[in-house]
Amino acid sequence: MSKLYKLKKWLTLDEAITHISNLIGESISLSELYQLAADGHIRLSVKFVNGAKAKKVRLIRAKDVKYKQLIPKNIPDFPKDKCFRVPIKGYTQISGDLWAEEVVAETYSISGVWDLAMVGAEQADIADRYYQTTSDHAGTIPRFVGHYLQKDGETYQLQVRQERLSESDEYNSSLAPDAQDENEKLSLQEIRLRLKRPYRPPQYSLASKLDDHNNILVISTSEINRFIYSLEDKPKEAKSLHCKERTTLLLLLGTILKKANFDLQERGVVGKIRRATESNNTPISEQTIRDLIPLILDMVELKQNR
């Protein structure tokens, strides 16, 4: 393994292909890498060159979506018990049972490397790249589903600014060609008055594709390590723990995490623990950590209350 590799946080896809091929002793292609990603075997990330815009969301199930009743206005005497139920503003349906709920309506500027959540249109985006490398066919990217990014246990929905004319362009386009000469005779004060308009903040909508923002696809080195480990022919069989051993292990983990200043009830602690495991070249998924924390907290509380 290259000494420089240990210092890198991520590799481009070409670099990752070379590195993985060397480690497993067989060559892989870009199309195979896209296929592995689309099938959920390896997670791709995206690095935004000039930053991007996104909204913070949480992924929820259909049963948790909030609705409002909508009665058609153009149909007289429409029965109230037959009114339509539509989701309130801030919900996006991703699939049959998966939805995205806005945490706040504000749009944030994001930068750096973000994992592709592979729950929405980003999955179709990667599948489309696979088709383009293997045939002339193009995949369909469902625009209104949204592209989702994840980092430190949080999920964001990629946004793009809606194009509109600048104030000066709007003003110039409103002038007829034969009125240009007359406009040149206007006083500076009159021109300023015509240009004066109330400020309108930029509007954003769902990004239709990842390439709505300048980006490069990458793979984190921790994800490459995890992927290589998953390919081992004979992984070591984990020894099952007895009840007492399991209790001792949970208490030990709780003590170590506390001494390392990890507050298990702090928001974002899952991401902090994950990064700590990655720095030790022993990456553990956020879902595993998220499932483990309640067990540690319960065992520590039980022990302290005895």
C-alpha atoms as a PDB file:
ATOM      1  CA  MET A   1       0.000   0.000   0.000  1.00  0.00           C
ATOM      2  CA  SER A   2       1.322   3.454  -0.917  1.00  0.00           C
ATOM      3  CA  LYS A   3       2.499   5.597   1.971  1.00  0.00           C
ATOM      4  CA  LEU A   4       0.686   8.563   0.433  1.00  0.00           C
ATOM      5  CA  TYR A   5      -2.553   6.558   0.338  1.00  0.00           C
ATOM      6  CA  LYS A   6      -2.667   6.595   4.136  1.00  0.00           C
ATOM      7  CA  LEU A   7      -2.718  10.394   4.053  1.00  0.00           C
ATOM      8  CA  LYS A   8      -5.536  10.693   1.531  1.00  0.00           C
ATOM      9  CA  LYS A   9      -9.173  11.074   2.538  1.00  0.00           C
ATOM     10  CA  TRP A  10     -10.539  10.230  -0.906  1.00  0.00           C
ATOM     11  CA  LEU A  11      -9.538   9.084  -4.393  1.00  0.00           C
ATOM     12  CA  THR A  12     -10.914   9.936  -7.819  1.00  0.00           C
ATOM     13  CA  LEU A  13     -12.677   7.079  -9.589  1.00  0.00           C
ATOM     14  CA  ASP A  14      -9.662   6.464 -11.859  1.00  0.00           C
ATOM     15  CA  GLU A  15      -7.342   6.379  -8.840  1.00  0.00           C
ATOM     16  CA  ALA A  16      -9.745   4.083  -6.982  1.00  0.00           C
ATOM     17  CA  ILE A  17      -9.947   1.691  -9.941  1.00  0.00           C
ATOM     18  CA  THR A  18      -6.147   1.412 -10.066  1.00  0.00           C
ATOM     19  CA  HIS A  19      -5.843   0.982  -6.298  1.00  0.00           C
ATOM     20  CA  ILE A  20      -8.614  -1.623  -5.970  1.00  0.00           C
ATOM     21  CA  SER A  21      -7.327  -3.554  -9.014  1.00  0.00           C
ATOM     22  CA  ASN A  22      -3.858  -3.746  -7.455  1.00  0.00           C
ATOM     23  CA  LEU A  23      -5.225  -4.943  -4.118  1.00  0.00           C
ATOM     24  CA  ILE A  24      -7.557  -7.653  -5.427  1.00  0.00           C
ATOM     25  CA  GLY A  25      -5.228  -8.800  -8.204  1.00  0.00           C
ATOM     26  CA  GLU A  26      -7.705  -8.325 -11.043  1.00  0.00           C
ATOM     27  CA  SER A  27      -8.622  -5.356 -13.155  1.00  0.00           C
ATOM     28  CA  ILE A  28     -11.966  -3.624 -12.842  1.00  0.00           C
ATOM     29  CA  SER A  29     -13.470  -1.095 -15.236  1.00  0.00           C
ATOM     30  CA  LEU A  30     -15.300   2.149 -14.697  1.00  0.00           C
ATOM     31  CA  SER A  31     -18.570   0.535 -15.767  1.00  0.00           C
ATOM     32  CA  GLU A  32     -18.078  -2.209 -13.176  1.00  0.00           C
ATOM     33  CA  LEU A  33     -17.431   0.401 -10.515  1.00  0.00           C
ATOM     34  CA  TYR A  34     -20.657   2.201 -11.438  1.00  0.00           C
ATOM     35  CA  GLN A  35     -22.513  -1.127 -11.321  1.00  0.00           C
ATOM     36  CA  LEU A  36     -21.089  -1.964  -7.898  1.00  0.00           C
ATOM     37  CA  ALA A  37     -22.199   1.451  -6.649  1.00  0.00           C
ATOM     38  CA  ALA A  38     -25.690   1.186  -8.171  1.00  0.00           C
ATOM     39  CA  ASP A  39     -26.123  -2.244  -6.569  1.00  0.00           C
ATOM     40  CA  GLY A  40     -25.066  -0.948  -3.144  1.00  0.00           C
ATOM     41  CA  HIS A  41     -21.726  -2.762  -2.828  1.00  0.00           C
ATOM     42  CA  ILE A  42     -19.578   0.372  -2.650  1.00  0.00           C
ATOM     43  CA  ARG A  43     -20.557   3.939  -1.796  1.00  0.00           C
ATOM     44  CA  LEU A  44     -19.565   6.797  -4.054  1.00  0.00           C
ATOM     45  CA  SER A  45     -19.138  10.366  -2.877  1.00  0.00           C
ATOM     46  CA  VAL A  46     -19.248  13.676  -4.683  1.00  0.00           C
ATOM     47  CA  LYS A  47     -16.829  16.579  -4.271  1.00  0.00           C
ATOM     48  CA  PHE A  48     -18.279  19.944  -5.231  1.00  0.00           C
ATOM     49  CA  VAL A  49     -15.629  22.050  -6.953  1.00  0.00           C
ATOM     50  CA  ASN A  50     -17.304  25.426  -6.405  1.00  0.00           C
ATOM     51  CA  GLY A  51     -19.734  24.489  -3.657  1.00  0.00           C
ATOM     52  CA  ALA A  52     -23.431  23.746  -4.030  1.00  0.00           C
ATOM     53  CA  LYS A  53     -26.844  24.537  -2.548  1.00  0.00           C
ATOM     54  CA  ALA A  54     -28.867  22.088  -0.487  1.00  0.00           C
ATOM     55  CA  LYS A  55     -31.688  21.817   2.026  1.00  0.00           C
ATOM     56  CA  LYS A  56     -31.408  19.878   5.246  1.00  0.00           C
ATOM     57  CA  VAL A  57     -33.983  17.070   5.383  1.00  0.00           C
ATOM     58  CA  ARG A  58     -34.764  13.934   7.325  1.00  0.00           C
ATOM     59  CA  LEU A  59     -35.810  10.661   5.742  1.00  0.00           C
ATOM     60  CA  ILE A  60     -39.165   9.408   7.026  1.00  0.00           C
ATOM     61  CA  ARG A  61     -41.747   6.757   6.238  1.00  0.00           C
ATOM     62  CA  ALA A  62     -45.036   7.428   4.491  1.00  0.00           C
ATOM     63  CA  LYS A  63     -47.005   6.967   7.723  1.00  0.00           C
ATOM     64  CA  ASP A  64     -45.217   9.992   9.240  1.00  0.00           C
ATOM     65  CA  VAL A  65     -46.126  12.431   6.440  1.00  0.00           C
ATOM     66  CA  LYS A  66     -48.484  15.254   7.470  1.00  0.00           C
ATOM     67  CA  TYR A  67     -51.388  16.114   5.172  1.00  0.00           C
ATOM     68  CA  LYS A  68     -53.891  18.914   4.702  1.00  0.00           C
ATOM     69  CA  GLN A  69     -57.398  18.716   3.283  1.00  0.00           C
ATOM     70  CA  LEU A  70     -57.993  20.331  -0.094  1.00  0.00           C
ATOM     71  CA  ILE A  71     -61.519  21.118  -1.323  1.00  0.00           C
ATOM     72  CA  PRO A  72     -61.834  22.000  -5.049  1.00  0.00           C
ATOM     73  CA  LYS A  73     -62.982  25.624  -5.453  1.00  0.00           C
ATOM     74  CA  ASN A  74     -64.540  25.276  -8.893  1.00  0.00           C
ATOM     75  CA  ILE A  75     -66.926  22.480  -7.958  1.00  0.00           C
ATOM     76  CA  PRO A  76     -70.014  23.763  -6.088  1.00  0.00           C
ATOM     77  CA  ASP A  77     -71.427  21.731  -3.197  1.00  0.00           C
ATOM     78  CA  PHE A  78     -68.417  19.409  -3.232  1.00  0.00           C
ATOM     79  CA  PRO A  79     -68.900  17.004  -0.266  1.00  0.00           C
ATOM     80  CA  LYS A  80     -66.448  17.666   2.545  1.00  0.00           C
ATOM     81  CA  ASP A  81     -65.981  13.975   3.237  1.00  0.00           C
ATOM     82  CA  LYS A  82     -64.666  13.595  -0.326  1.00  0.00           C
ATOM     83  CA  CYS A  83     -61.972  16.260  -0.100  1.00  0.00           C
ATOM     84  CA  PHE A  84     -58.454  15.548  -1.270  1.00  0.00           C
ATOM     85  CA  ARG A  85     -55.560  14.919   1.122  1.00  0.00           C
ATOM     86  CA  VAL A  86     -52.304  16.461  -0.044  1.00  0.00           C
ATOM     87  CA  PRO A  87     -48.961  16.615   1.800  1.00  0.00           C
ATOM     88  CA  ILE A  88     -48.223  19.980   3.402  1.00  0.00           C
ATOM     89  CA  LYS A  89     -45.338  22.015   2.016  1.00  0.00           C
ATOM     90  CA  GLY A  90     -41.894  20.648   2.730  1.00  0.00           C
ATOM     91  CA  TYR A  91     -42.418  16.968   1.895  1.00  0.00           C
ATOM     92  CA  THR A  92     -40.927  15.139  -1.108  1.00  0.00           C
ATOM     93  CA  GLN A  93     -41.883  11.581  -1.998  1.00  0.00           C
ATOM     94  CA  ILE A  94     -38.822   9.513  -2.874  1.00  0.00           C
ATOM     95  CA  SER A  95     -40.420   6.091  -3.265  1.00  0.00           C
ATOM     96  CA  GLY A  96     -43.542   4.239  -2.205  1.00  0.00           C
ATOM     97  CA  ASP A  97     -42.752   4.312   1.516  1.00  0.00           C
ATOM     98  CA  LEU A  98     -39.809   6.732   1.725  1.00  0.00           C
ATOM     99  CA  TRP A  99     -40.216  10.505   1.964  1.00  0.00           C
ATOM    100  CA  ALA A 100     -37.987  13.490   2.692  1.00  0.00           C
ATOM    101  CA  GLU A 101     -39.145  16.097   5.203  1.00  0.00           C
ATOM    102  CA  GLU A 102     -37.593  19.569   5.337  1.00  0.00           C
ATOM    103  CA  VAL A 103     -35.913  20.267   8.653  1.00  0.00           C
ATOM    104  CA  VAL A 104     -35.797  23.991   7.853  1.00  0.00           C
ATOM    105  CA  ALA A 105     -36.925  25.840   4.739  1.00  0.00           C
ATOM    106  CA  GLU A 106     -33.597  27.657   4.417  1.00  0.00           C
ATOM    107  CA  THR A 107     -31.192  26.673   1.636  1.00  0.00           C
ATOM    108  CA  TYR A 108     -27.580  26.175   2.736  1.00  0.00           C
ATOM    109  CA  SER A 109     -24.280  26.499   0.906  1.00  0.00           C
ATOM    110  CA  ILE A 110     -22.328  23.254   1.149  1.00  0.00           C
ATOM    111  CA  SER A 111     -18.838  22.302   0.015  1.00  0.00           C
ATOM    112  CA  GLY A 112     -16.310  19.497   0.226  1.00  0.00           C
ATOM    113  CA  VAL A 113     -16.996  15.772  -0.085  1.00  0.00           C
ATOM    114  CA  TRP A 114     -20.471  14.305   0.490  1.00  0.00           C
ATOM    115  CA  ASP A 115     -21.622  10.689   0.357  1.00  0.00           C
ATOM    116  CA  LEU A 116     -24.356   9.798  -2.107  1.00  0.00           C
ATOM    117  CA  ALA A 117     -27.255   8.487  -0.016  1.00  0.00           C
ATOM    118  CA  MET A 118     -28.413   6.225  -2.898  1.00  0.00           C
ATOM    119  CA  VAL A 119     -32.065   6.504  -1.934  1.00  0.00           C
ATOM    120  CA  GLY A 120     -33.323   8.957  -4.562  1.00  0.00           C
ATOM    121  CA  ALA A 121     -32.464  10.256  -8.027  1.00  0.00           C
ATOM    122  CA  GLU A 122     -28.727  10.016  -7.283  1.00  0.00           C
ATOM    123  CA  GLN A 123     -29.078   6.238  -7.627  1.00  0.00           C
ATOM    124  CA  ALA A 124     -30.618   6.671 -11.089  1.00  0.00           C
ATOM    125  CA  ASP A 125     -27.861   9.197 -11.891  1.00  0.00           C
ATOM    126  CA  ILE A 126     -25.162   6.592 -11.216  1.00  0.00           C
ATOM    127  CA  ALA A 127     -27.117   3.921 -13.118  1.00  0.00           C
ATOM    128  CA  ASP A 128     -27.312   6.317 -16.078  1.00  0.00           C
ATOM    129  CA  ARG A 129     -23.520   6.689 -16.046  1.00  0.00           C
ATOM    130  CA  TYR A 130     -23.246   2.902 -16.119  1.00  0.00           C
ATOM    131  CA  TYR A 131     -25.500   2.717 -19.188  1.00  0.00           C
ATOM    132  CA  GLN A 132     -23.469   5.413 -20.925  1.00  0.00           C
ATOM    133  CA  THR A 133     -20.232   3.441 -20.437  1.00  0.00           C
ATOM    134  CA  THR A 134     -21.696   0.178 -21.709  1.00  0.00           C
ATOM    135  CA  SER A 135     -24.135   1.224 -24.451  1.00  0.00           C
ATOM    136  CA  ASP A 136     -25.730   4.142 -26.236  1.00  0.00           C
ATOM    137  CA  HIS A 137     -28.768   3.993 -23.986  1.00  0.00           C
ATOM    138  CA  ALA A 138     -29.530   6.645 -21.383  1.00  0.00           C
ATOM    139  CA  GLY A 139     -31.252   6.022 -18.091  1.00  0.00           C
ATOM    140  CA  THR A 140     -34.188   8.074 -16.824  1.00  0.00           C
ATOM    141  CA  ILE A 141     -33.383  10.315 -13.875  1.00  0.00           C
ATOM    142  CA  PRO A 142     -36.553  11.130 -11.866  1.00  0.00           C
ATOM    143  CA  ARG A 143     -36.110  14.868 -11.366  1.00  0.00           C
ATOM    144  CA  PHE A 144     -38.891  15.419  -8.846  1.00  0.00           C
ATOM    145  CA  VAL A 145     -37.610  12.743  -6.470  1.00  0.00           C
ATOM    146  CA  GLY A 146     -34.497  14.727  -5.508  1.00  0.00           C
ATOM    147  CA  HIS A 147     -30.803  13.945  -5.087  1.00  0.00           C
ATOM    148  CA  TYR A 148     -29.698  13.191  -1.507  1.00  0.00           C
ATOM    149  CA  LEU A 149     -26.328  13.634   0.161  1.00  0.00           C
ATOM    150  CA  GLN A 150     -25.127  12.539   3.584  1.00  0.00           C
ATOM    151  CA  LYS A 151     -22.387  13.584   5.981  1.00  0.00           C
ATOM    152  CA  ASP A 152     -21.947  13.215   9.754  1.00  0.00           C
ATOM    153  CA  GLY A 153     -25.273  11.452  10.109  1.00  0.00           C
ATOM    154  CA  GLU A 154     -27.265  14.235   8.414  1.00  0.00           C
ATOM    155  CA  THR A 155     -29.056  14.222   5.059  1.00  0.00           C
ATOM    156  CA  TYR A 156     -29.314  17.079   2.558  1.00  0.00           C
ATOM    157  CA  GLN A 157     -31.401  17.495  -0.579  1.00  0.00           C
ATOM    158  CA  LEU A 158     -29.469  18.999  -3.501  1.00  0.00           C
ATOM    159  CA  GLN A 159     -30.923  22.255  -4.855  1.00  0.00           C
ATOM    160  CA  VAL A 160     -30.290  24.436  -7.905  1.00  0.00           C
ATOM    161  CA  ARG A 161     -30.990  28.117  -8.356  1.00  0.00           C
ATOM    162  CA  GLN A 162     -33.899  28.966 -10.620  1.00  0.00           C
ATOM    163  CA  GLU A 163     -32.703  31.039 -13.553  1.00  0.00           C
ATOM    164  CA  ARG A 164     -34.143  34.512 -13.930  1.00  0.00           C
ATOM    165  CA  LEU A 165     -33.102  37.772 -15.551  1.00  0.00           C
ATOM    166  CA  SER A 166     -31.068  40.219 -13.529  1.00  0.00           C
ATOM    167  CA  GLU A 167     -32.714  43.548 -12.751  1.00  0.00           C
ATOM    168  CA  SER A 168     -30.753  45.378 -15.457  1.00  0.00           C
ATOM    169  CA  ASP A 169     -31.544  42.667 -18.035  1.00  0.00           C
ATOM    170  CA  GLU A 170     -35.229  42.808 -17.122  1.00  0.00           C
ATOM    171  CA  TYR A 171     -35.168  46.542 -17.615  1.00  0.00           C
ATOM    172  CA  ASN A 172     -33.371  46.404 -20.966  1.00  0.00           C
ATOM    173  CA  SER A 173     -35.550  43.593 -22.289  1.00  0.00           C
ATOM    174  CA  SER A 174     -38.683  45.597 -21.476  1.00  0.00           C
ATOM    175  CA  LEU A 175     -37.635  48.339 -23.892  1.00  0.00           C
ATOM    176  CA  ALA A 176     -38.798  48.032 -27.464  1.00  0.00           C
ATOM    177  CA  PRO A 177     -36.038  48.392 -30.119  1.00  0.00           C
ATOM    178  CA  ASP A 178     -37.506  51.644 -31.451  1.00  0.00           C
ATOM    179  CA  ALA A 179     -37.530  53.092 -27.943  1.00  0.00           C
ATOM    180  CA  GLN A 180     -33.792  52.784 -27.404  1.00  0.00           C
ATOM    181  CA  ASP A 181     -33.023  56.266 -28.769  1.00  0.00           C
ATOM    182  CA  GLU A 182     -35.690  57.778 -26.562  1.00  0.00           C
ATOM    183  CA  ASN A 183     -34.261  55.922 -23.565  1.00  0.00           C
ATOM    184  CA  GLU A 184     -30.847  57.484 -24.193  1.00  0.00           C
ATOM    185  CA  LYS A 185     -32.417  60.884 -23.601  1.00  0.00           C
ATOM    186  CA  LEU A 186     -33.687  59.916 -20.134  1.00  0.00           C
ATOM    187  CA  SER A 187     -32.079  61.620 -17.206  1.00  0.00           C
ATOM    188  CA  LEU A 188     -29.892  59.620 -14.827  1.00  0.00           C
ATOM    189  CA  GLN A 189     -32.492  60.027 -12.096  1.00  0.00           C
ATOM    190  CA  GLU A 190     -35.276  58.656 -14.306  1.00  0.00           C
ATOM    191  CA  ILE A 191     -33.178  55.626 -15.234  1.00  0.00           C
ATOM    192  CA  ARG A 192     -32.443  54.936 -11.568  1.00  0.00           C
ATOM    193  CA  LEU A 193     -36.148  55.119 -10.738  1.00  0.00           C
ATOM    194  CA  ARG A 194     -36.976  52.631 -13.492  1.00  0.00           C
ATOM    195  CA  LEU A 195     -34.291  50.259 -12.295  1.00  0.00           C
ATOM    196  CA  LYS A 196     -35.350  50.486  -8.670  1.00  0.00           C
ATOM    197  CA  ARG A 197     -37.184  47.330  -7.700  1.00  0.00           C
ATOM    198  CA  PRO A 198     -37.719  45.546  -4.383  1.00  0.00           C
ATOM    199  CA  TYR A 199     -35.085  42.914  -3.611  1.00  0.00           C
ATOM    200  CA  ARG A 200     -36.143  39.412  -4.489  1.00  0.00           C
ATOM    201  CA  PRO A 201     -34.123  36.633  -2.878  1.00  0.00           C
ATOM    202  CA  PRO A 202     -33.011  33.834  -5.201  1.00  0.00           C
ATOM    203  CA  GLN A 203     -35.368  30.907  -5.533  1.00  0.00           C
ATOM    204  CA  TYR A 204     -34.223  27.284  -5.491  1.00  0.00           C
ATOM    205  CA  SER A 205     -35.736  24.014  -6.646  1.00  0.00           C
ATOM    206  CA  LEU A 206     -34.731  20.346  -6.778  1.00  0.00           C
ATOM    207  CA  ALA A 207     -31.571  19.690  -8.770  1.00  0.00           C
ATOM    208  CA  SER A 208     -32.370  17.613 -11.853  1.00  0.00           C
ATOM    209  CA  LYS A 209     -28.942  15.946 -11.905  1.00  0.00           C
ATOM    210  CA  LEU A 210     -25.653  15.928 -10.011  1.00  0.00           C
ATOM    211  CA  ASP A 211     -24.018  17.883 -12.815  1.00  0.00           C
ATOM    212  CA  ASP A 212     -26.202  20.899 -12.059  1.00  0.00           C
ATOM    213  CA  HIS A 213     -23.176  21.776  -9.891  1.00  0.00           C
ATOM    214  CA  ASN A 214     -19.523  21.389 -10.879  1.00  0.00           C
ATOM    215  CA  ASN A 215     -18.359  18.187  -9.222  1.00  0.00           C
ATOM    216  CA  ILE A 216     -16.179  15.130  -9.420  1.00  0.00           C
ATOM    217  CA  LEU A 217     -17.146  11.676  -8.211  1.00  0.00           C
ATOM    218  CA  VAL A 218     -14.770  10.224  -5.617  1.00  0.00           C
ATOM    219  CA  ILE A 219     -14.562   7.360  -3.130  1.00  0.00           C
ATOM    220  CA  SER A 220     -13.387   7.871   0.444  1.00  0.00           C
ATOM    221  CA  THR A 221     -10.355   5.791   1.415  1.00  0.00           C
ATOM    222  CA  SER A 222     -12.276   4.429   4.409  1.00  0.00           C
ATOM    223  CA  GLU A 223     -14.969   3.153   2.041  1.00  0.00           C
ATOM    224  CA  ILE A 224     -12.326   1.514  -0.163  1.00  0.00           C
ATOM    225  CA  ASN A 225     -10.876  -0.212   2.920  1.00  0.00           C
ATOM    226  CA  ARG A 226     -14.337  -1.443   3.918  1.00  0.00           C
ATOM    227  CA  PHE A 227     -15.035  -2.683   0.393  1.00  0.00           C
ATOM    228  CA  ILE A 228     -11.742  -4.582   0.171  1.00  0.00           C
ATOM    229  CA  TYR A 229     -12.406  -6.190   3.559  1.00  0.00           C
ATOM    230  CA  SER A 230     -15.861  -7.290   2.376  1.00  0.00           C
ATOM    231  CA  LEU A 231     -14.235  -9.224  -0.466  1.00  0.00           C
ATOM    232  CA  GLU A 232     -12.162 -11.410   1.853  1.00  0.00           C
ATOM    233  CA  ASP A 233     -12.794 -15.085   1.051  1.00  0.00           C
ATOM    234  CA  LYS A 234     -12.661 -16.288   4.631  1.00  0.00           C
ATOM    235  CA  PRO A 235     -13.497 -13.528   7.073  1.00  0.00           C
ATOM    236  CA  LYS A 236     -12.779 -14.409  10.660  1.00  0.00           C
ATOM    237  CA  GLU A 237     -15.832 -15.855  12.333  1.00  0.00           C
ATOM    238  CA  ALA A 238     -16.863 -13.738  15.282  1.00  0.00           C
ATOM    239  CA  LYS A 239     -17.079 -15.549  18.584  1.00  0.00           C
ATOM    240  CA  SER A 240     -20.506 -15.283  20.150  1.00  0.00           C
ATOM    241  CA  LEU A 241     -20.545 -13.540  23.521  1.00  0.00           C
ATOM    242  CA  HIS A 242     -22.143 -14.865  26.664  1.00  0.00           C
ATOM    243  CA  CYS A 243     -24.521 -12.544  28.537  1.00  0.00           C
ATOM    244  CA  LYS A 244     -21.894 -11.562  31.121  1.00  0.00           C
ATOM    245  CA  GLU A 245     -19.266 -10.912  28.418  1.00  0.00           C
ATOM    246  CA  ARG A 246     -21.719  -8.760  26.480  1.00  0.00           C
ATOM    247  CA  THR A 247     -22.547  -6.713  29.590  1.00  0.00           C
ATOM    248  CA  THR A 248     -18.857  -6.203  30.369  1.00  0.00           C
ATOM    249  CA  LEU A 249     -18.132  -5.156  26.777  1.00  0.00           C
ATOM    250  CA  LEU A 250     -20.945  -2.574  26.727  1.00  0.00           C
ATOM    251  CA  LEU A 251     -19.818  -1.104  30.053  1.00  0.00           C
ATOM    252  CA  LEU A 252     -16.228  -1.003  28.820  1.00  0.00           C
ATOM    253  CA  LEU A 253     -17.273   0.789  25.631  1.00  0.00           C
ATOM    254  CA  GLY A 254     -19.282   3.311  27.647  1.00  0.00           C
ATOM    255  CA  THR A 255     -16.313   4.029  29.916  1.00  0.00           C
ATOM    256  CA  ILE A 256     -13.846   4.392  27.035  1.00  0.00           C
ATOM    257  CA  LEU A 257     -16.145   6.686  25.060  1.00  0.00           C
ATOM    258  CA  LYS A 258     -16.750   8.859  28.126  1.00  0.00           C
ATOM    259  CA  LYS A 259     -13.003   9.142  28.824  1.00  0.00           C
ATOM    260  CA  ALA A 260     -12.502  10.111  25.174  1.00  0.00           C
ATOM    261  CA  ASN A 261     -15.053  12.945  25.665  1.00  0.00           C
ATOM    262  CA  PHE A 262     -17.756  11.396  23.490  1.00  0.00           C
ATOM    263  CA  ASP A 263     -21.186  12.438  24.770  1.00  0.00           C
ATOM    264  CA  LEU A 264     -23.451   9.647  23.538  1.00  0.00           C
ATOM    265  CA  GLN A 265     -26.516  11.883  23.835  1.00  0.00           C
ATOM    266  CA  GLU A 266     -24.952  14.742  21.883  1.00  0.00           C
ATOM    267  CA  ARG A 267     -26.266  15.460  18.416  1.00  0.00           C
ATOM    268  CA  GLY A 268     -23.845  14.361  15.714  1.00  0.00           C
ATOM    269  CA  VAL A 269     -21.928  11.973  17.987  1.00  0.00           C
ATOM    270  CA  VAL A 270     -22.521   9.105  15.533  1.00  0.00           C
ATOM    271  CA  GLY A 271     -20.497  10.884  12.859  1.00  0.00           C
ATOM    272  CA  LYS A 272     -17.720  11.725  15.346  1.00  0.00           C
ATOM    273  CA  ILE A 273     -17.368   8.094  16.409  1.00  0.00           C
ATOM    274  CA  ARG A 274     -17.412   6.937  12.778  1.00  0.00           C
ATOM    275  CA  ARG A 275     -14.571   9.331  11.883  1.00  0.00           C
ATOM    276  CA  ALA A 276     -12.594   8.076  14.878  1.00  0.00           C
ATOM    277  CA  THR A 277     -12.926   4.485  13.668  1.00  0.00           C
ATOM    278  CA  GLU A 278     -11.873   5.530  10.167  1.00  0.00           C
ATOM    279  CA  SER A 279      -8.737   7.264  11.478  1.00  0.00           C
ATOM    280  CA  ASN A 280      -7.778   3.937  13.065  1.00  0.00           C
ATOM    281  CA  ASN A 281      -8.348   2.091   9.749  1.00  0.00           C
ATOM    282  CA  THR A 282     -11.162   0.112  11.415  1.00  0.00           C
ATOM    283  CA  PRO A 283     -14.229   1.794   9.865  1.00  0.00           C
ATOM    284  CA  ILE A 284     -17.627   1.080  11.394  1.00  0.00           C
ATOM    285  CA  SER A 285     -20.840   2.134   9.643  1.00  0.00           C
ATOM    286  CA  GLU A 286     -23.005   4.873  11.140  1.00  0.00           C
ATOM    287  CA  GLN A 287     -26.000   2.528  11.315  1.00  0.00           C
ATOM    288  CA  THR A 288     -24.027   0.033  13.433  1.00  0.00           C
ATOM    289  CA  ILE A 289     -22.920   2.816  15.774  1.00  0.00           C
ATOM    290  CA  ARG A 290     -26.461   4.215  15.912  1.00  0.00           C
ATOM    291  CA  ASP A 291     -27.825   0.781  16.910  1.00  0.00           C
ATOM    292  CA  LEU A 292     -25.109   0.277  19.532  1.00  0.00           C
ATOM    293  CA  ILE A 293     -25.409   3.588  21.413  1.00  0.00           C
ATOM    294  CA  PRO A 294     -28.831   2.865  23.056  1.00  0.00           C
ATOM    295  CA  LEU A 295     -27.501  -0.496  24.279  1.00  0.00           C
ATOM    296  CA  ILE A 296     -24.486   1.188  25.870  1.00  0.00           C
ATOM    297  CA  LEU A 297     -26.610   3.907  27.491  1.00  0.00           C
ATOM    298  CA  ASP A 298     -29.103   1.395  28.895  1.00  0.00           C
ATOM    299  CA  MET A 299     -26.388  -0.848  30.319  1.00  0.00           C
ATOM    300  CA  VAL A 300     -24.486   2.049  31.927  1.00  0.00           C
ATOM    301  CA  GLU A 301     -27.696   3.411  33.474  1.00  0.00           C
ATOM    302  CA  LEU A 302     -28.643  -0.037  34.754  1.00  0.00           C
ATOM    303  CA  LYS A 303     -25.200  -0.508  36.317  1.00  0.00           C
ATOM    304  CA  GLN A 304     -25.186   2.950  37.974  1.00  0.00           C
ATOM    305  CA  ASN A 305     -28.653   2.494  39.484  1.00  0.00           C
ATOM    306  CA  ARG A 306     -27.791  -0.786  41.196  1.00  0.00           C
END
